Amino acid sequence: MSEKTSTGAGRLRGKVCIVTGAGTLRGIGWTTILRFADEGIRHVYAVDLNPTNFGVLRETFEEMYPASNITFVQGDATNENVIKSLCDRALEETGRLDIFFANAGTFGSQSPSYDQTPLADFVECLRVNVGSAFLALKYASSAIAKTNEASGKLDAGGSIILMGSNSGLRANSTPVEYGASKAAVHHLAMSGAYHNNNRGTGVRVNAVFPGPAGTDFLPAPFQAYVAKRPDLFCSPSAIANTVLFMASDESAFINGTTITLDNGVTNGYFLESLLD
């Protein structure tokens, strides 16, 4: 693999970010990290509960982007101590934090209907998907608001991006607990922006709501659909490009909103009938 270094316009040059759910080879988190590096990110803290792929991911990143730094952290994005210490670590080691992409999540029980979903499974899905987004807001907001002349961050603020799903905007065939959790993420983006605005932190909070994405996260029953109608399945790179825009200064006046990436599926398409 040849050295690539930063190839973009430097939209994130000098900035520091945290990305959770970053340990999957074909995942949204990892694809986003590579796009950030394309745009000159200074340091990435990549977090995942499963460290299996850290070795190959580190080798890939360091070979492609020697001008950027990456730190892999095995940790649970729903653990308060993990997220707090990670934000503190970024400030201590680099002097700044500019971006937090809260991408960790779970699909839930995959029960076909709410009447077959155990309460424990419902609560666990909300704990992971909503809890991880909440902790990102709780600890990254204050960290991103800090300035540090030595690190080159003269103005307070930055961007928190929460990972949602179009299942949180409209009922569909995904598990009821998954849709409910992503609806809560939609509200967290709005309330996070509201509270940060009130405090004058300069921190923007938004959410990205893709439709079904062609990643390993996609449940097996949907995998077969990707080949039949790839136009209805969002690629990790399309999501990463949107997250990059939301992380950059180009989206400086976008705050408290959700960006939907689903080629119109939320407007009324039903995948099951389309893909029979």
C-alpha atoms as a PDB file:
ATOM      1  CA  MET A   1       0.000   0.000   0.000  1.00  0.00           C
ATOM      2  CA  SER A   2       1.462   3.328  -1.014  1.00  0.00           C
ATOM      3  CA  GLU A   3       1.724   6.347   1.228  1.00  0.00           C
ATOM      4  CA  LYS A   4      -1.263   8.602   0.714  1.00  0.00           C
ATOM      5  CA  THR A   5      -1.024  11.365   3.346  1.00  0.00           C
ATOM      6  CA  SER A   6      -3.625  14.124   3.289  1.00  0.00           C
ATOM      7  CA  THR A   7      -5.135  14.433  -0.181  1.00  0.00           C
ATOM      8  CA  GLY A   8      -8.077  16.767   0.414  1.00  0.00           C
ATOM      9  CA  ALA A   9      -8.394  20.474   0.916  1.00  0.00           C
ATOM     10  CA  GLY A  10      -7.295  20.324   4.544  1.00  0.00           C
ATOM     11  CA  ARG A  11     -10.790  20.879   5.919  1.00  0.00           C
ATOM     12  CA  LEU A  12      -9.808  19.290   9.257  1.00  0.00           C
ATOM     13  CA  ARG A  13      -6.157  20.275   9.328  1.00  0.00           C
ATOM     14  CA  GLY A  14      -4.806  20.499  12.876  1.00  0.00           C
ATOM     15  CA  LYS A  15      -7.979  19.183  14.502  1.00  0.00           C
ATOM     16  CA  VAL A  16      -8.414  16.356  17.001  1.00  0.00           C
ATOM     17  CA  CYS A  17     -11.315  13.918  17.059  1.00  0.00           C
ATOM     18  CA  ILE A  18     -12.797  10.956  18.903  1.00  0.00           C
ATOM     19  CA  VAL A  19     -14.685   8.280  16.958  1.00  0.00           C
ATOM     20  CA  THR A  20     -16.529   5.456  18.713  1.00  0.00           C
ATOM     21  CA  GLY A  21     -17.553   2.236  17.008  1.00  0.00           C
ATOM     22  CA  ALA A  22     -14.327   2.432  15.017  1.00  0.00           C
ATOM     23  CA  GLY A  23     -13.073  -1.142  14.956  1.00  0.00           C
ATOM     24  CA  THR A  24     -14.901  -2.697  11.990  1.00  0.00           C
ATOM     25  CA  LEU A  25     -13.031  -3.045   8.697  1.00  0.00           C
ATOM     26  CA  ARG A  26     -16.050  -2.182   6.519  1.00  0.00           C
ATOM     27  CA  GLY A  27     -17.673  -0.003   9.122  1.00  0.00           C
ATOM     28  CA  ILE A  28     -18.875   3.585   9.103  1.00  0.00           C
ATOM     29  CA  GLY A  29     -16.537   4.603  11.923  1.00  0.00           C
ATOM     30  CA  TRP A  30     -13.380   3.397  10.230  1.00  0.00           C
ATOM     31  CA  THR A  31     -14.385   4.742   6.819  1.00  0.00           C
ATOM     32  CA  THR A  32     -15.016   8.124   8.439  1.00  0.00           C
ATOM     33  CA  ILE A  33     -11.612   8.081  10.110  1.00  0.00           C
ATOM     34  CA  LEU A  34      -9.958   7.605   6.728  1.00  0.00           C
ATOM     35  CA  ARG A  35     -11.927  10.532   5.284  1.00  0.00           C
ATOM     36  CA  PHE A  36     -10.889  12.671   8.242  1.00  0.00           C
ATOM     37  CA  ALA A  37      -7.279  11.750   7.549  1.00  0.00           C
ATOM     38  CA  ASP A  38      -7.759  12.667   3.883  1.00  0.00           C
ATOM     39  CA  GLU A  39      -8.607  16.145   5.133  1.00  0.00           C
ATOM     40  CA  GLY A  40      -5.596  16.524   7.416  1.00  0.00           C
ATOM     41  CA  ILE A  41      -6.880  15.474  10.842  1.00  0.00           C
ATOM     42  CA  ARG A  42      -4.085  15.844  13.378  1.00  0.00           C
ATOM     43  CA  HIS A  43      -5.021  13.088  15.834  1.00  0.00           C
ATOM     44  CA  VAL A  44      -7.746  10.445  15.947  1.00  0.00           C
ATOM     45  CA  TYR A  45      -8.801   8.546  19.059  1.00  0.00           C
ATOM     46  CA  ALA A  46     -10.485   5.407  17.704  1.00  0.00           C
ATOM     47  CA  VAL A  47     -12.639   3.549  20.213  1.00  0.00           C
ATOM     48  CA  ASP A  48     -14.223   0.117  20.019  1.00  0.00           C
ATOM     49  CA  LEU A  49     -15.319  -2.559  22.454  1.00  0.00           C
ATOM     50  CA  ASN A  50     -13.713  -5.231  20.254  1.00  0.00           C
ATOM     51  CA  PRO A  51      -9.970  -4.741  19.634  1.00  0.00           C
ATOM     52  CA  THR A  52      -9.600  -7.618  17.157  1.00  0.00           C
ATOM     53  CA  ASN A  53      -8.912  -5.402  14.133  1.00  0.00           C
ATOM     54  CA  PHE A  54      -6.825  -2.727  15.847  1.00  0.00           C
ATOM     55  CA  GLY A  55      -3.537  -4.139  14.565  1.00  0.00           C
ATOM     56  CA  VAL A  56      -4.413  -4.156  10.876  1.00  0.00           C
ATOM     57  CA  LEU A  57      -6.242  -0.838  11.142  1.00  0.00           C
ATOM     58  CA  ARG A  58      -3.260   0.818  12.789  1.00  0.00           C
ATOM     59  CA  GLU A  59      -0.902  -0.536  10.134  1.00  0.00           C
ATOM     60  CA  THR A  60      -3.169   0.710   7.360  1.00  0.00           C
ATOM     61  CA  PHE A  61      -3.577   4.164   8.858  1.00  0.00           C
ATOM     62  CA  GLU A  62       0.086   4.728   9.674  1.00  0.00           C
ATOM     63  CA  GLU A  63       1.176   3.642   6.208  1.00  0.00           C
ATOM     64  CA  MET A  64      -1.411   5.758   4.404  1.00  0.00           C
ATOM     65  CA  TYR A  65      -1.328   8.838   6.617  1.00  0.00           C
ATOM     66  CA  PRO A  66       2.070   9.277   8.296  1.00  0.00           C
ATOM     67  CA  ALA A  67       1.370  12.955   8.923  1.00  0.00           C
ATOM     68  CA  SER A  68      -1.626  12.121  11.160  1.00  0.00           C
ATOM     69  CA  ASN A  69      -1.681  10.278  14.475  1.00  0.00           C
ATOM     70  CA  ILE A  70      -4.055   7.602  15.678  1.00  0.00           C
ATOM     71  CA  THR A  71      -4.631   6.099  19.121  1.00  0.00           C
ATOM     72  CA  PHE A  72      -6.741   2.970  19.474  1.00  0.00           C
ATOM     73  CA  VAL A  73      -8.675   2.526  22.695  1.00  0.00           C
ATOM     74  CA  GLN A  74     -10.522  -0.615  23.721  1.00  0.00           C
ATOM     75  CA  GLY A  75     -13.515   0.631  25.646  1.00  0.00           C
ATOM     76  CA  ASP A  76     -17.267   0.666  26.072  1.00  0.00           C
ATOM     77  CA  ALA A  77     -18.892   3.829  24.715  1.00  0.00           C
ATOM     78  CA  THR A  78     -21.644   3.434  27.324  1.00  0.00           C
ATOM     79  CA  ASN A  79     -19.154   3.501  30.193  1.00  0.00           C
ATOM     80  CA  GLU A  80     -19.048   6.934  31.776  1.00  0.00           C
ATOM     81  CA  ASN A  81     -15.464   6.582  32.992  1.00  0.00           C
ATOM     82  CA  VAL A  82     -14.269   5.535  29.532  1.00  0.00           C
ATOM     83  CA  ILE A  83     -15.763   8.549  27.742  1.00  0.00           C
ATOM     84  CA  LYS A  84     -14.786  11.070  30.409  1.00  0.00           C
ATOM     85  CA  SER A  85     -11.209   9.815  30.592  1.00  0.00           C
ATOM     86  CA  LEU A  86     -10.947   9.775  26.803  1.00  0.00           C
ATOM     87  CA  CYS A  87     -12.017  13.415  26.494  1.00  0.00           C
ATOM     88  CA  ASP A  88      -9.601  14.320  29.287  1.00  0.00           C
ATOM     89  CA  ARG A  89      -6.841  12.358  27.572  1.00  0.00           C
ATOM     90  CA  ALA A  90      -7.313  14.188  24.283  1.00  0.00           C
ATOM     91  CA  LEU A  91      -7.007  17.525  26.062  1.00  0.00           C
ATOM     92  CA  GLU A  92      -3.964  16.416  28.034  1.00  0.00           C
ATOM     93  CA  GLU A  93      -2.095  14.860  25.107  1.00  0.00           C
ATOM     94  CA  THR A  94      -2.997  17.203  22.260  1.00  0.00           C
ATOM     95  CA  GLY A  95      -4.302  20.309  24.007  1.00  0.00           C
ATOM     96  CA  ARG A  96      -7.639  20.250  22.234  1.00  0.00           C
ATOM     97  CA  LEU A  97     -10.711  18.339  21.140  1.00  0.00           C
ATOM     98  CA  ASP A  98     -12.666  19.502  18.102  1.00  0.00           C
ATOM     99  CA  ILE A  99     -14.879  16.632  16.940  1.00  0.00           C
ATOM    100  CA  PHE A 100     -16.707  13.719  18.547  1.00  0.00           C
ATOM    101  CA  PHE A 101     -18.420  11.215  16.239  1.00  0.00           C
ATOM    102  CA  ALA A 102     -20.648   9.022  18.438  1.00  0.00           C
ATOM    103  CA  ASN A 103     -20.978   6.047  16.119  1.00  0.00           C
ATOM    104  CA  ALA A 104     -21.152   3.080  18.529  1.00  0.00           C
ATOM    105  CA  GLY A 105     -24.431   1.199  18.528  1.00  0.00           C
ATOM    106  CA  THR A 106     -26.386  -2.032  18.365  1.00  0.00           C
ATOM    107  CA  PHE A 107     -29.249  -3.228  16.180  1.00  0.00           C
ATOM    108  CA  GLY A 108     -31.158  -4.829  19.041  1.00  0.00           C
ATOM    109  CA  SER A 109     -32.776  -8.225  19.407  1.00  0.00           C
ATOM    110  CA  GLN A 110     -33.969  -8.565  15.793  1.00  0.00           C
ATOM    111  CA  SER A 111     -37.299  -9.852  17.086  1.00  0.00           C
ATOM    112  CA  PRO A 112     -39.925  -9.632  14.330  1.00  0.00           C
ATOM    113  CA  SER A 113     -42.432  -7.646  16.413  1.00  0.00           C
ATOM    114  CA  TYR A 114     -42.755  -5.759  19.682  1.00  0.00           C
ATOM    115  CA  ASP A 115     -44.910  -8.499  21.201  1.00  0.00           C
ATOM    116  CA  GLN A 116     -41.978 -10.910  20.803  1.00  0.00           C
ATOM    117  CA  THR A 117     -39.336  -8.532  22.182  1.00  0.00           C
ATOM    118  CA  PRO A 118     -38.230  -9.146  25.773  1.00  0.00           C
ATOM    119  CA  LEU A 119     -38.169  -6.011  27.910  1.00  0.00           C
ATOM    120  CA  ALA A 120     -34.527  -6.674  28.754  1.00  0.00           C
ATOM    121  CA  ASP A 121     -33.605  -6.562  25.047  1.00  0.00           C
ATOM    122  CA  PHE A 122     -35.578  -3.347  24.559  1.00  0.00           C
ATOM    123  CA  VAL A 123     -33.849  -1.654  27.496  1.00  0.00           C
ATOM    124  CA  GLU A 124     -30.400  -2.887  26.448  1.00  0.00           C
ATOM    125  CA  CYS A 125     -30.751  -1.412  22.964  1.00  0.00           C
ATOM    126  CA  LEU A 126     -31.688   1.960  24.433  1.00  0.00           C
ATOM    127  CA  ARG A 127     -28.840   1.733  26.929  1.00  0.00           C
ATOM    128  CA  VAL A 128     -26.301   1.305  24.152  1.00  0.00           C
ATOM    129  CA  ASN A 129     -27.662   3.581  21.429  1.00  0.00           C
ATOM    130  CA  VAL A 130     -29.010   6.382  23.597  1.00  0.00           C
ATOM    131  CA  GLY A 131     -26.563   6.057  26.463  1.00  0.00           C
ATOM    132  CA  SER A 132     -23.494   6.307  24.243  1.00  0.00           C
ATOM    133  CA  ALA A 133     -24.882   9.398  22.509  1.00  0.00           C
ATOM    134  CA  PHE A 134     -25.755  10.986  25.853  1.00  0.00           C
ATOM    135  CA  LEU A 135     -22.259  10.431  27.238  1.00  0.00           C
ATOM    136  CA  ALA A 136     -20.744  11.974  24.121  1.00  0.00           C
ATOM    137  CA  LEU A 137     -22.834  15.076  24.732  1.00  0.00           C
ATOM    138  CA  LYS A 138     -22.123  15.119  28.466  1.00  0.00           C
ATOM    139  CA  TYR A 139     -18.339  15.001  28.259  1.00  0.00           C
ATOM    140  CA  ALA A 140     -17.384  16.119  24.762  1.00  0.00           C
ATOM    141  CA  SER A 141     -19.356  19.365  24.982  1.00  0.00           C
ATOM    142  CA  SER A 142     -17.172  20.839  27.717  1.00  0.00           C
ATOM    143  CA  ALA A 143     -13.974  19.440  26.232  1.00  0.00           C
ATOM    144  CA  ILE A 144     -14.667  20.825  22.760  1.00  0.00           C
ATOM    145  CA  ALA A 145     -15.560  24.202  24.263  1.00  0.00           C
ATOM    146  CA  LYS A 146     -12.040  24.669  25.644  1.00  0.00           C
ATOM    147  CA  THR A 147      -9.489  26.835  23.870  1.00  0.00           C
ATOM    148  CA  ASN A 148      -5.737  26.336  23.963  1.00  0.00           C
ATOM    149  CA  GLU A 149      -3.375  28.791  22.313  1.00  0.00           C
ATOM    150  CA  ALA A 150      -0.457  26.361  22.407  1.00  0.00           C
ATOM    151  CA  SER A 151      -2.414  23.810  20.362  1.00  0.00           C
ATOM    152  CA  GLY A 152      -3.584  26.438  17.898  1.00  0.00           C
ATOM    153  CA  LYS A 153      -7.195  26.413  19.057  1.00  0.00           C
ATOM    154  CA  LEU A 154      -8.014  30.057  19.597  1.00  0.00           C
ATOM    155  CA  ASP A 155     -11.801  29.839  19.231  1.00  0.00           C
ATOM    156  CA  ALA A 156     -14.062  27.715  21.402  1.00  0.00           C
ATOM    157  CA  GLY A 157     -16.282  25.117  19.835  1.00  0.00           C
ATOM    158  CA  GLY A 158     -16.454  22.314  17.367  1.00  0.00           C
ATOM    159  CA  SER A 159     -18.818  19.565  16.338  1.00  0.00           C
ATOM    160  CA  ILE A 160     -20.527  16.552  17.885  1.00  0.00           C
ATOM    161  CA  ILE A 161     -22.121  14.178  15.389  1.00  0.00           C
ATOM    162  CA  LEU A 162     -24.494  11.458  16.586  1.00  0.00           C
ATOM    163  CA  MET A 163     -25.216   8.342  14.549  1.00  0.00           C
ATOM    164  CA  GLY A 164     -28.921   7.881  13.949  1.00  0.00           C
ATOM    165  CA  SER A 165     -31.028   5.945  11.477  1.00  0.00           C
ATOM    166  CA  ASN A 166     -34.071   6.638   9.344  1.00  0.00           C
ATOM    167  CA  SER A 167     -35.744   4.029  11.553  1.00  0.00           C
ATOM    168  CA  GLY A 168     -35.917   6.780  14.153  1.00  0.00           C
ATOM    169  CA  LEU A 169     -37.949   8.975  11.799  1.00  0.00           C
ATOM    170  CA  ARG A 170     -40.505   6.500  10.527  1.00  0.00           C
ATOM    171  CA  ALA A 171     -41.672   3.037  11.557  1.00  0.00           C
ATOM    172  CA  ASN A 172     -40.348   0.201   9.430  1.00  0.00           C
ATOM    173  CA  SER A 173     -39.352  -3.440   9.695  1.00  0.00           C
ATOM    174  CA  THR A 174     -36.376  -2.853  11.975  1.00  0.00           C
ATOM    175  CA  PRO A 175     -36.717  -3.931  15.626  1.00  0.00           C
ATOM    176  CA  VAL A 176     -38.994  -1.655  17.635  1.00  0.00           C
ATOM    177  CA  GLU A 177     -36.266  -0.994  20.210  1.00  0.00           C
ATOM    178  CA  TYR A 178     -33.841   0.092  17.487  1.00  0.00           C
ATOM    179  CA  GLY A 179     -36.275   2.621  16.018  1.00  0.00           C
ATOM    180  CA  ALA A 180     -37.166   3.932  19.476  1.00  0.00           C
ATOM    181  CA  SER A 181     -33.495   4.381  20.360  1.00  0.00           C
ATOM    182  CA  LYS A 182     -32.756   6.311  17.183  1.00  0.00           C
ATOM    183  CA  ALA A 183     -35.800   8.531  17.717  1.00  0.00           C
ATOM    184  CA  ALA A 184     -34.231   9.417  21.066  1.00  0.00           C
ATOM    185  CA  VAL A 185     -30.933  10.216  19.323  1.00  0.00           C
ATOM    186  CA  HIS A 186     -32.854  12.620  17.075  1.00  0.00           C
ATOM    187  CA  HIS A 187     -34.047  14.474  20.174  1.00  0.00           C
ATOM    188  CA  LEU A 188     -30.598  14.412  21.782  1.00  0.00           C
ATOM    189  CA  ALA A 189     -29.201  16.243  18.759  1.00  0.00           C
ATOM    190  CA  MET A 190     -31.814  18.961  19.155  1.00  0.00           C
ATOM    191  CA  SER A 191     -31.520  19.261  22.930  1.00  0.00           C
ATOM    192  CA  GLY A 192     -27.726  19.091  22.807  1.00  0.00           C
ATOM    193  CA  ALA A 193     -27.648  22.005  20.384  1.00  0.00           C
ATOM    194  CA  TYR A 194     -30.167  23.932  22.503  1.00  0.00           C
ATOM    195  CA  HIS A 195     -28.180  23.592  25.725  1.00  0.00           C
ATOM    196  CA  ASN A 196     -24.823  24.326  24.099  1.00  0.00           C
ATOM    197  CA  ASN A 197     -26.287  27.425  22.457  1.00  0.00           C
ATOM    198  CA  ASN A 198     -27.649  28.623  25.792  1.00  0.00           C
ATOM    199  CA  ARG A 199     -24.219  28.252  27.342  1.00  0.00           C
ATOM    200  CA  GLY A 200     -22.382  29.861  24.453  1.00  0.00           C
ATOM    201  CA  THR A 201     -19.953  26.957  24.085  1.00  0.00           C
ATOM    202  CA  GLY A 202     -19.646  27.172  20.314  1.00  0.00           C
ATOM    203  CA  VAL A 203     -20.303  23.424  20.149  1.00  0.00           C
ATOM    204  CA  ARG A 204     -22.658  22.270  17.393  1.00  0.00           C
ATOM    205  CA  VAL A 205     -24.628  19.042  17.773  1.00  0.00           C
ATOM    206  CA  ASN A 206     -26.182  17.241  14.817  1.00  0.00           C
ATOM    207  CA  ALA A 207     -27.127  13.723  13.809  1.00  0.00           C
ATOM    208  CA  VAL A 208     -26.679  11.714  10.635  1.00  0.00           C
ATOM    209  CA  PHE A 209     -29.643   9.457   9.821  1.00  0.00           C
ATOM    210  CA  PRO A 210     -28.817   6.991   7.037  1.00  0.00           C
ATOM    211  CA  GLY A 211     -31.140   4.392   5.648  1.00  0.00           C
ATOM    212  CA  PRO A 212     -29.950   0.782   5.449  1.00  0.00           C
ATOM    213  CA  ALA A 213     -26.199   0.804   4.985  1.00  0.00           C
ATOM    214  CA  GLY A 214     -24.139  -1.816   3.194  1.00  0.00           C
ATOM    215  CA  THR A 215     -21.907  -2.665   6.155  1.00  0.00           C
ATOM    216  CA  ASP A 216     -21.312  -5.700   8.359  1.00  0.00           C
ATOM    217  CA  PHE A 217     -23.749  -4.095  10.835  1.00  0.00           C
ATOM    218  CA  LEU A 218     -26.635  -4.768   8.434  1.00  0.00           C
ATOM    219  CA  PRO A 219     -28.592  -7.833   9.637  1.00  0.00           C
ATOM    220  CA  ALA A 220     -28.358 -10.955   7.485  1.00  0.00           C
ATOM    221  CA  PRO A 221     -31.931 -10.784   6.088  1.00  0.00           C
ATOM    222  CA  PHE A 222     -31.104  -7.415   4.510  1.00  0.00           C
ATOM    223  CA  GLN A 223     -27.704  -8.395   3.132  1.00  0.00           C
ATOM    224  CA  ALA A 224     -29.258 -10.208   0.179  1.00  0.00           C
ATOM    225  CA  TYR A 225     -31.185  -7.064  -0.747  1.00  0.00           C
ATOM    226  CA  VAL A 226     -28.048  -5.026  -1.300  1.00  0.00           C
ATOM    227  CA  ALA A 227     -27.201  -6.817  -4.543  1.00  0.00           C
ATOM    228  CA  LYS A 228     -30.788  -6.478  -5.815  1.00  0.00           C
ATOM    229  CA  ARG A 229     -31.241  -2.759  -5.159  1.00  0.00           C
ATOM    230  CA  PRO A 230     -27.891  -1.194  -4.235  1.00  0.00           C
ATOM    231  CA  ASP A 231     -29.343   2.265  -4.906  1.00  0.00           C
ATOM    232  CA  LEU A 232     -31.455   1.916  -1.755  1.00  0.00           C
ATOM    233  CA  PHE A 233     -28.514   1.088   0.513  1.00  0.00           C
ATOM    234  CA  CYS A 234     -26.211   3.822   1.682  1.00  0.00           C
ATOM    235  CA  SER A 235     -22.493   3.126   1.348  1.00  0.00           C
ATOM    236  CA  PRO A 236     -20.132   3.756   4.270  1.00  0.00           C
ATOM    237  CA  SER A 237     -18.263   6.289   2.127  1.00  0.00           C
ATOM    238  CA  ALA A 238     -21.439   8.302   1.500  1.00  0.00           C
ATOM    239  CA  ILE A 239     -22.079   8.446   5.231  1.00  0.00           C
ATOM    240  CA  ALA A 240     -18.438   9.308   5.939  1.00  0.00           C
ATOM    241  CA  ASN A 241     -18.567  12.201   3.482  1.00  0.00           C
ATOM    242  CA  THR A 242     -21.630  13.584   5.257  1.00  0.00           C
ATOM    243  CA  VAL A 243     -20.035  13.216   8.684  1.00  0.00           C
ATOM    244  CA  LEU A 244     -16.948  14.988   7.328  1.00  0.00           C
ATOM    245  CA  PHE A 245     -19.098  17.904   6.187  1.00  0.00           C
ATOM    246  CA  MET A 246     -20.821  18.091   9.578  1.00  0.00           C
ATOM    247  CA  ALA A 247     -17.432  17.990  11.320  1.00  0.00           C
ATOM    248  CA  SER A 248     -15.919  20.727   9.190  1.00  0.00           C
ATOM    249  CA  ASP A 249     -16.302  24.482   9.392  1.00  0.00           C
ATOM    250  CA  GLU A 250     -18.306  24.352   6.161  1.00  0.00           C
ATOM    251  CA  SER A 251     -21.351  23.369   8.225  1.00  0.00           C
ATOM    252  CA  ALA A 252     -20.749  26.119  10.792  1.00  0.00           C
ATOM    253  CA  PHE A 253     -24.381  27.286  10.791  1.00  0.00           C
ATOM    254  CA  ILE A 254     -25.977  23.823  10.871  1.00  0.00           C
ATOM    255  CA  ASN A 255     -26.930  22.967  14.429  1.00  0.00           C
ATOM    256  CA  GLY A 256     -29.537  20.807  16.137  1.00  0.00           C
ATOM    257  CA  THR A 257     -30.673  19.002  13.023  1.00  0.00           C
ATOM    258  CA  THR A 258     -30.554  15.606  11.355  1.00  0.00           C
ATOM    259  CA  ILE A 259     -29.254  14.848   7.887  1.00  0.00           C
ATOM    260  CA  THR A 260     -31.054  11.935   6.229  1.00  0.00           C
ATOM    261  CA  LEU A 261     -29.206   9.760   3.706  1.00  0.00           C
ATOM    262  CA  ASP A 262     -31.560   7.154   2.300  1.00  0.00           C
ATOM    263  CA  ASN A 263     -32.359   8.036  -1.323  1.00  0.00           C
ATOM    264  CA  GLY A 264     -35.928   8.870  -0.389  1.00  0.00           C
ATOM    265  CA  VAL A 265     -36.748   5.660   1.485  1.00  0.00           C
ATOM    266  CA  THR A 266     -38.085   7.607   4.462  1.00  0.00           C
ATOM    267  CA  ASN A 267     -40.536   9.389   2.162  1.00  0.00           C
ATOM    268  CA  GLY A 268     -42.583   6.250   1.684  1.00  0.00           C
ATOM    269  CA  TYR A 269     -40.632   3.405   0.109  1.00  0.00           C
ATOM    270  CA  PHE A 270     -41.064   0.063   1.801  1.00  0.00           C
ATOM    271  CA  LEU A 271     -38.027  -2.118   1.255  1.00  0.00           C
ATOM    272  CA  GLU A 272     -39.831  -5.410   1.660  1.00  0.00           C
ATOM    273  CA  SER A 273     -42.273  -4.709  -1.211  1.00  0.00           C
ATOM    274  CA  LEU A 274     -39.619  -3.155  -3.417  1.00  0.00           C
ATOM    275  CA  LEU A 275     -37.212  -6.018  -3.048  1.00  0.00           C
ATOM    276  CA  ASP A 276     -39.482  -9.036  -3.403  1.00  0.00           C
END
